[in-house]
N, C-alpha and C. Protein backbone atom coordinates (compact mmCIF):
# COMPACT_ATOMS: atom_id res chain seq x y z
N UNK A 1 0.84 -1.18 0.00
CA UNK A 1 0.00 0.00 0.00
C UNK A 1 0.88 1.23 0.00
N UNK A 2 0.43 2.26 -0.65
CA UNK A 2 1.17 3.52 -0.68
C UNK A 2 0.19 4.67 -0.62
N UNK A 3 0.55 5.69 0.15
CA UNK A 3 -0.23 6.91 0.20
C UNK A 3 0.76 8.05 -0.01
N UNK A 4 0.44 8.95 -0.90
CA UNK A 4 1.29 10.12 -1.15
C UNK A 4 0.49 11.34 -0.72
N UNK A 5 1.05 12.10 0.22
CA UNK A 5 0.39 13.30 0.70
C UNK A 5 1.31 14.50 0.55
N UNK A 6 0.72 15.66 0.52
CA UNK A 6 1.52 16.88 0.43
C UNK A 6 0.84 17.99 1.22
N UNK A 7 1.63 18.99 1.55
CA UNK A 7 1.13 20.15 2.28
C UNK A 7 1.64 21.40 1.57
N UNK A 8 0.74 22.32 1.29
CA UNK A 8 1.12 23.62 0.77
C UNK A 8 1.29 24.54 1.98
N UNK A 9 2.54 24.81 2.34
CA UNK A 9 2.82 25.59 3.55
C UNK A 9 2.10 26.94 3.54
N UNK A 10 2.14 27.62 2.40
CA UNK A 10 1.55 28.96 2.32
C UNK A 10 0.05 28.92 2.64
N UNK A 11 -0.65 27.93 2.10
CA UNK A 11 -2.10 27.86 2.25
C UNK A 11 -2.54 27.12 3.51
N UNK A 12 -1.84 26.03 3.86
CA UNK A 12 -2.33 25.17 4.94
C UNK A 12 -1.69 25.44 6.29
N UNK A 13 -0.56 26.14 6.30
CA UNK A 13 0.11 26.50 7.56
C UNK A 13 0.46 27.99 7.53
N UNK A 14 -0.55 28.85 7.39
CA UNK A 14 -0.29 30.28 7.22
C UNK A 14 0.38 30.94 8.42
N UNK A 15 0.31 30.29 9.59
CA UNK A 15 0.91 30.87 10.78
C UNK A 15 2.44 31.01 10.66
N UNK A 16 3.05 30.33 9.68
CA UNK A 16 4.50 30.41 9.51
C UNK A 16 4.92 31.50 8.53
N UNK A 17 3.94 32.21 7.95
CA UNK A 17 4.22 33.35 7.07
C UNK A 17 5.23 33.02 5.98
N UNK A 18 4.97 31.95 5.24
CA UNK A 18 5.89 31.57 4.18
C UNK A 18 5.44 32.12 2.84
N UNK A 19 6.40 32.21 1.94
CA UNK A 19 6.13 32.54 0.55
C UNK A 19 6.83 31.47 -0.27
N UNK A 20 6.06 30.68 -0.99
CA UNK A 20 6.59 29.51 -1.71
C UNK A 20 7.29 28.55 -0.75
N UNK A 21 6.77 28.42 0.47
CA UNK A 21 7.30 27.47 1.44
C UNK A 21 8.53 27.94 2.20
N UNK A 22 8.94 29.18 1.99
CA UNK A 22 10.14 29.72 2.63
C UNK A 22 9.74 30.90 3.51
N UNK A 23 10.32 30.99 4.69
CA UNK A 23 10.04 32.10 5.60
C UNK A 23 10.47 33.41 4.95
N UNK A 24 9.60 34.39 5.01
CA UNK A 24 9.92 35.69 4.43
C UNK A 24 10.59 36.57 5.48
N UNK A 25 11.26 37.60 5.01
CA UNK A 25 11.88 38.56 5.91
C UNK A 25 13.33 38.27 6.23
N UNK A 26 13.92 37.26 5.59
CA UNK A 26 15.33 36.97 5.81
C UNK A 26 16.19 37.91 4.98
N UNK A 27 17.47 37.97 5.29
CA UNK A 27 18.37 38.80 4.50
C UNK A 27 18.48 38.24 3.08
N UNK A 28 18.92 39.05 2.15
CA UNK A 28 19.03 38.66 0.75
C UNK A 28 19.95 37.44 0.63
N UNK A 29 19.50 36.45 -0.11
CA UNK A 29 20.30 35.25 -0.33
C UNK A 29 20.17 34.19 0.75
N UNK A 30 19.33 34.43 1.76
CA UNK A 30 19.15 33.48 2.85
C UNK A 30 17.72 32.94 2.81
N UNK A 31 17.60 31.63 2.81
CA UNK A 31 16.29 30.98 2.86
C UNK A 31 16.26 30.08 4.08
N UNK A 32 15.26 30.23 4.90
CA UNK A 32 15.13 29.42 6.11
C UNK A 32 13.68 29.00 6.31
N UNK A 33 13.51 27.90 7.01
CA UNK A 33 12.18 27.44 7.41
C UNK A 33 12.26 26.95 8.84
N UNK A 34 11.23 27.20 9.59
CA UNK A 34 11.15 26.76 10.98
C UNK A 34 10.94 25.25 11.01
N UNK A 35 11.81 24.47 11.68
CA UNK A 35 11.62 23.02 11.76
C UNK A 35 10.27 22.62 12.36
N UNK A 36 9.67 23.46 13.19
CA UNK A 36 8.34 23.14 13.73
C UNK A 36 7.30 23.10 12.61
N UNK A 37 7.55 23.85 11.55
CA UNK A 37 6.65 23.83 10.40
C UNK A 37 6.66 22.44 9.76
N UNK A 38 7.81 21.81 9.69
CA UNK A 38 7.91 20.46 9.11
C UNK A 38 7.12 19.47 9.95
N UNK A 39 7.23 19.60 11.26
CA UNK A 39 6.49 18.69 12.15
C UNK A 39 4.98 18.89 11.96
N UNK A 40 4.56 20.16 11.90
CA UNK A 40 3.14 20.44 11.68
C UNK A 40 2.68 19.89 10.32
N UNK A 41 3.56 19.95 9.32
CA UNK A 41 3.21 19.43 8.00
C UNK A 41 3.04 17.91 8.03
N UNK A 42 3.93 17.21 8.74
CA UNK A 42 3.81 15.75 8.85
C UNK A 42 2.51 15.40 9.57
N UNK A 43 2.19 16.13 10.64
CA UNK A 43 0.93 15.89 11.35
C UNK A 43 -0.27 16.13 10.44
N UNK A 44 -0.19 17.16 9.61
CA UNK A 44 -1.28 17.46 8.68
C UNK A 44 -1.44 16.34 7.66
N UNK A 45 -0.32 15.78 7.17
CA UNK A 45 -0.41 14.66 6.22
C UNK A 45 -1.04 13.45 6.90
N UNK A 46 -0.68 13.19 8.16
CA UNK A 46 -1.32 12.08 8.87
C UNK A 46 -2.83 12.30 9.00
N UNK A 47 -3.24 13.54 9.27
CA UNK A 47 -4.67 13.84 9.34
C UNK A 47 -5.36 13.56 8.00
N UNK A 48 -4.73 14.02 6.92
CA UNK A 48 -5.29 13.80 5.59
C UNK A 48 -5.35 12.32 5.25
N UNK A 49 -4.30 11.60 5.64
CA UNK A 49 -4.25 10.16 5.37
C UNK A 49 -5.40 9.46 6.08
N UNK A 50 -5.57 9.75 7.36
CA UNK A 50 -6.64 9.13 8.14
C UNK A 50 -8.01 9.51 7.57
N UNK A 51 -8.17 10.79 7.21
CA UNK A 51 -9.45 11.25 6.67
C UNK A 51 -9.79 10.61 5.32
N UNK A 52 -8.75 10.16 4.60
CA UNK A 52 -8.97 9.55 3.28
C UNK A 52 -9.47 8.11 3.38
N UNK A 53 -9.41 7.55 4.59
CA UNK A 53 -9.81 6.16 4.77
C UNK A 53 -8.68 5.17 4.59
N UNK A 54 -7.46 5.67 4.39
CA UNK A 54 -6.30 4.78 4.25
C UNK A 54 -6.15 3.96 5.53
N UNK A 55 -5.85 2.66 5.42
CA UNK A 55 -5.73 1.81 6.62
C UNK A 55 -4.45 2.12 7.40
N UNK A 56 -4.52 3.06 8.32
CA UNK A 56 -3.36 3.55 9.08
C UNK A 56 -2.62 2.44 9.83
N UNK A 57 -3.32 1.39 10.22
CA UNK A 57 -2.69 0.34 11.01
C UNK A 57 -1.60 -0.40 10.23
N UNK A 58 -1.57 -0.24 8.91
CA UNK A 58 -0.57 -0.92 8.10
C UNK A 58 0.68 -0.09 7.86
N UNK A 59 0.72 1.14 8.34
CA UNK A 59 1.89 2.00 8.12
C UNK A 59 3.06 1.46 8.93
N UNK A 60 4.15 1.17 8.24
CA UNK A 60 5.38 0.67 8.88
C UNK A 60 6.50 1.70 8.82
N UNK A 61 6.44 2.60 7.85
CA UNK A 61 7.48 3.62 7.73
C UNK A 61 6.92 4.79 6.93
N UNK A 62 7.60 5.91 7.05
CA UNK A 62 7.25 7.08 6.26
C UNK A 62 8.52 7.67 5.68
N UNK A 63 8.38 8.38 4.60
CA UNK A 63 9.49 9.09 3.97
C UNK A 63 9.04 10.53 3.79
N UNK A 64 9.92 11.45 4.08
CA UNK A 64 9.62 12.87 3.96
C UNK A 64 10.70 13.50 3.09
N UNK A 65 10.29 14.29 2.13
CA UNK A 65 11.28 14.99 1.30
C UNK A 65 10.79 16.41 1.04
N UNK A 66 11.67 17.23 0.58
CA UNK A 66 11.32 18.60 0.28
C UNK A 66 12.47 19.56 0.50
N UNK A 67 13.44 19.20 1.32
CA UNK A 67 14.58 20.06 1.54
C UNK A 67 15.50 19.99 0.33
N UNK A 68 16.22 21.06 0.10
CA UNK A 68 17.16 21.11 -1.01
C UNK A 68 18.50 21.57 -0.47
N UNK A 69 19.54 20.86 -0.77
CA UNK A 69 20.91 21.21 -0.40
C UNK A 69 21.12 21.30 1.11
N UNK A 70 20.39 20.53 1.86
CA UNK A 70 20.61 20.57 3.30
C UNK A 70 19.74 19.57 4.01
N UNK A 71 20.17 19.20 5.18
CA UNK A 71 19.42 18.27 6.00
C UNK A 71 19.58 18.71 7.45
N UNK A 72 18.49 18.71 8.16
CA UNK A 72 18.53 19.00 9.59
C UNK A 72 17.97 17.78 10.29
N UNK A 73 18.82 17.07 11.01
CA UNK A 73 18.38 15.89 11.74
C UNK A 73 18.08 16.29 13.18
N UNK A 74 16.90 15.95 13.66
CA UNK A 74 16.50 16.29 15.02
C UNK A 74 16.20 15.01 15.78
N UNK A 75 16.68 14.92 17.01
CA UNK A 75 16.32 13.78 17.86
C UNK A 75 15.17 14.18 18.78
N UNK A 76 14.83 13.33 19.72
CA UNK A 76 13.69 13.62 20.60
C UNK A 76 13.91 14.85 21.47
N UNK A 77 15.15 15.31 21.59
CA UNK A 77 15.45 16.52 22.37
C UNK A 77 15.48 17.77 21.51
N UNK A 78 15.24 17.62 20.23
CA UNK A 78 15.23 18.76 19.32
C UNK A 78 16.58 19.04 18.76
């Protein structure tokens, strides 16, 4: 089974004030996003998945992509 979900940060998480998924107001040449936004996006995809009727009990792993030229790994302590 496979479920593909997506989140439009600008429309679905407006509290982060993004433009094309990037936080606005940074200095020229700097693009940043709040890692809490990624967590909220994953939670939103889980909500959409459950609402779609997908059998959640069969989920064994998830994959998340969207970052470009960088990776931020966070453990349970942030």
